[in-house]
Every structure is written in structure tokens, then in C-alpha cells.
Amino acid sequence: WPTRFTPEEVELLLASYGFIHKKTLRETKEKIYASVDEYWETIVLSAGGRMTVMNMDEAMRVRFKEEYLNRLRSVMQPDGLHFLSPIIYSIAQK
């Protein structure tokens, strides 16, 4: 499965499974992390990223975190680290 769909692709997928009266809405949500450390704890050490990071040896993990957070610091805004997430909602009837 692709990780991102357009609203049109969602409607085509629903239609291919016999859904009718489709309505698809798209919006974008913004999450602001106050610091790169908050982002690290929330996202990288969450379920998905945690295994990858924890499987690194200690030296590699320290180096990876330092490099990763330095890259994030370069895009940090005065009020925090901004991430936009596109969300697609669909309502359909079968």
C-alpha cells in the first residue's frame, strides 16, 4: 500500500470495493513540538522508530541522535518544530 493517497485515489479504491455515495474530505493538521528533544521522545522513540534506534549499538545510537537532532534544529522555528500532516476522511455507503 502506498503511504499517501489523494482524495481521488481513495474514492477509486472505495468504488472498486462497491462503495457508492462517496464523500472525501482533505485537511492538514499541524503539530508543533516545543523542542527537538520532545520530538525525539514522541516520534523517534515511539513504537515504529524505537526498535530501529534501540537495535543500534550505544555509540551509533548517540551519533545518530546527535546528527538527527542537529538537522532538526536547522528547521526549528522560534515557537518550535512544525510538522504538517495531510489527513483524508471518507464517508461512503455500500
C-alpha atoms as a PDB file:
ATOM      1  CA  TRP A   1       0.000   0.000   0.000  1.00  0.00           C
ATOM      2  CA  PRO A   2       1.207   3.485  -0.724  1.00  0.00           C
ATOM      3  CA  THR A   3       1.749   5.622   2.333  1.00  0.00           C
ATOM      4  CA  ARG A   4      -0.160   8.543   0.836  1.00  0.00           C
ATOM      5  CA  PHE A   5      -3.325   8.665  -1.205  1.00  0.00           C
ATOM      6  CA  THR A   6      -5.005  11.540  -2.967  1.00  0.00           C
ATOM      7  CA  PRO A   7      -8.723  12.029  -2.291  1.00  0.00           C
ATOM      8  CA  GLU A   8      -9.391  10.800  -5.837  1.00  0.00           C
ATOM      9  CA  GLU A   9      -7.407   7.612  -5.202  1.00  0.00           C
ATOM     10  CA  VAL A  10      -9.365   6.972  -2.007  1.00  0.00           C
ATOM     11  CA  GLU A  11     -12.639   7.333  -3.862  1.00  0.00           C
ATOM     12  CA  LEU A  12     -11.440   4.992  -6.635  1.00  0.00           C
ATOM     13  CA  LEU A  13     -10.401   2.439  -4.022  1.00  0.00           C
ATOM     14  CA  LEU A  14     -13.783   2.659  -2.301  1.00  0.00           C
ATOM     15  CA  ALA A  15     -15.590   2.341  -5.639  1.00  0.00           C
ATOM     16  CA  SER A  16     -13.538  -0.751  -6.510  1.00  0.00           C
ATOM     17  CA  TYR A  17     -14.968  -2.411  -3.371  1.00  0.00           C
ATOM     18  CA  GLY A  18     -18.532  -1.469  -4.256  1.00  0.00           C
ATOM     19  CA  PHE A  19     -18.993   1.647  -2.159  1.00  0.00           C
ATOM     20  CA  ILE A  20     -21.260   4.380  -3.504  1.00  0.00           C
ATOM     21  CA  HIS A  21     -22.249   7.903  -2.438  1.00  0.00           C
ATOM     22  CA  LYS A  22     -18.645   8.697  -1.599  1.00  0.00           C
ATOM     23  CA  LYS A  23     -17.578  11.934   0.003  1.00  0.00           C
ATOM     24  CA  THR A  24     -13.912  12.533   0.643  1.00  0.00           C
ATOM     25  CA  LEU A  25     -12.520  15.482   2.566  1.00  0.00           C
ATOM     26  CA  ARG A  26      -8.938  16.536   2.988  1.00  0.00           C
ATOM     27  CA  GLU A  27      -7.404  18.720   5.636  1.00  0.00           C
ATOM     28  CA  THR A  28      -3.973  19.397   7.000  1.00  0.00           C
ATOM     29  CA  LYS A  29      -3.166  19.292  10.701  1.00  0.00           C
ATOM     30  CA  GLU A  30      -0.127  20.943  12.188  1.00  0.00           C
ATOM     31  CA  LYS A  31       1.729  19.602  15.190  1.00  0.00           C
ATOM     32  CA  ILE A  32       4.282  21.808  16.892  1.00  0.00           C
ATOM     33  CA  TYR A  33       6.913  20.233  19.114  1.00  0.00           C
ATOM     34  CA  ALA A  34       8.380  22.676  21.626  1.00  0.00           C
ATOM     35  CA  SER A  35      11.870  21.202  21.217  1.00  0.00           C
ATOM     36  CA  VAL A  36      13.789  18.630  19.209  1.00  0.00           C
ATOM     37  CA  ASP A  37      14.039  16.557  22.390  1.00  0.00           C
ATOM     38  CA  GLU A  38      10.246  16.449  22.664  1.00  0.00           C
ATOM     39  CA  TYR A  39      10.095  15.313  19.038  1.00  0.00           C
ATOM     40  CA  TRP A  40      12.730  12.639  19.702  1.00  0.00           C
ATOM     41  CA  GLU A  41      10.838  11.248  22.687  1.00  0.00           C
ATOM     42  CA  THR A  42       7.433  11.391  20.987  1.00  0.00           C
ATOM     43  CA  ILE A  43       8.211  10.249  17.452  1.00  0.00           C
ATOM     44  CA  VAL A  44      11.561   8.522  17.195  1.00  0.00           C
ATOM     45  CA  LEU A  45      11.206   6.558  20.421  1.00  0.00           C
ATOM     46  CA  SER A  46       7.604   5.642  19.721  1.00  0.00           C
ATOM     47  CA  ALA A  47       6.631   2.168  18.578  1.00  0.00           C
ATOM     48  CA  GLY A  48       7.762   2.476  14.948  1.00  0.00           C
ATOM     49  CA  GLY A  49      11.152   4.097  15.344  1.00  0.00           C
ATOM     50  CA  ARG A  50      12.093   2.714  18.727  1.00  0.00           C
ATOM     51  CA  MET A  51      13.140  -0.743  17.513  1.00  0.00           C
ATOM     52  CA  THR A  52      15.453   0.661  14.862  1.00  0.00           C
ATOM     53  CA  VAL A  53      17.110   3.045  17.296  1.00  0.00           C
ATOM     54  CA  MET A  54      17.338   0.558  20.152  1.00  0.00           C
ATOM     55  CA  ASN A  55      18.944  -2.062  17.873  1.00  0.00           C
ATOM     56  CA  MET A  56      21.886   0.266  17.272  1.00  0.00           C
ATOM     57  CA  ASP A  57      24.933  -0.136  19.471  1.00  0.00           C
ATOM     58  CA  GLU A  58      25.386   2.653  22.022  1.00  0.00           C
ATOM     59  CA  ALA A  59      27.984   4.611  20.041  1.00  0.00           C
ATOM     60  CA  MET A  60      25.928   4.502  16.847  1.00  0.00           C
ATOM     61  CA  ARG A  61      22.752   5.480  18.727  1.00  0.00           C
ATOM     62  CA  VAL A  62      24.472   8.513  20.286  1.00  0.00           C
ATOM     63  CA  ARG A  63      25.926   9.588  16.928  1.00  0.00           C
ATOM     64  CA  PHE A  64      22.609   9.056  15.116  1.00  0.00           C
ATOM     65  CA  LYS A  65      20.652  11.065  17.698  1.00  0.00           C
ATOM     66  CA  GLU A  66      23.154  13.922  17.601  1.00  0.00           C
ATOM     67  CA  GLU A  67      23.155  14.126  13.779  1.00  0.00           C
ATOM     68  CA  TYR A  68      19.390  13.719  13.534  1.00  0.00           C
ATOM     69  CA  LEU A  69      18.621  16.385  16.125  1.00  0.00           C
ATOM     70  CA  ASN A  70      21.151  18.784  14.570  1.00  0.00           C
ATOM     71  CA  ARG A  71      19.281  18.510  11.256  1.00  0.00           C
ATOM     72  CA  LEU A  72      16.005  19.204  13.020  1.00  0.00           C
ATOM     73  CA  ARG A  73      17.493  22.217  14.820  1.00  0.00           C
ATOM     74  CA  SER A  74      18.242  23.751  11.421  1.00  0.00           C
ATOM     75  CA  VAL A  75      14.494  23.918  10.653  1.00  0.00           C
ATOM     76  CA  MET A  76      13.373  24.845  14.170  1.00  0.00           C
ATOM     77  CA  GLN A  77      11.204  27.954  14.296  1.00  0.00           C
ATOM     78  CA  PRO A  78      11.010  30.337  17.284  1.00  0.00           C
ATOM     79  CA  ASP A  79       7.873  28.616  18.605  1.00  0.00           C
ATOM     80  CA  GLY A  80       9.017  25.051  17.940  1.00  0.00           C
ATOM     81  CA  LEU A  81       9.367  22.323  15.352  1.00  0.00           C
ATOM     82  CA  HIS A  82       6.430  22.312  12.906  1.00  0.00           C
ATOM     83  CA  PHE A  83       5.113  19.196  11.153  1.00  0.00           C
ATOM     84  CA  LEU A  84       2.202  19.180   8.725  1.00  0.00           C
ATOM     85  CA  SER A  85       0.132  16.023   8.329  1.00  0.00           C
ATOM     86  CA  PRO A  86      -2.346  15.687   5.459  1.00  0.00           C
ATOM     87  CA  ILE A  87      -5.474  13.806   6.533  1.00  0.00           C
ATOM     88  CA  ILE A  88      -8.134  12.341   4.265  1.00  0.00           C
ATOM     89  CA  TYR A  89     -11.583  11.472   5.601  1.00  0.00           C
ATOM     90  CA  SER A  90     -14.007   9.407   3.561  1.00  0.00           C
ATOM     91  CA  ILE A  91     -17.659   8.630   4.050  1.00  0.00           C
ATOM     92  CA  ALA A  92     -19.259   6.058   1.786  1.00  0.00           C
ATOM     93  CA  GLN A  93     -22.234   3.737   1.626  1.00  0.00           C
ATOM     94  CA  LYS A  94     -22.291   0.165   0.416  1.00  0.00           C
END
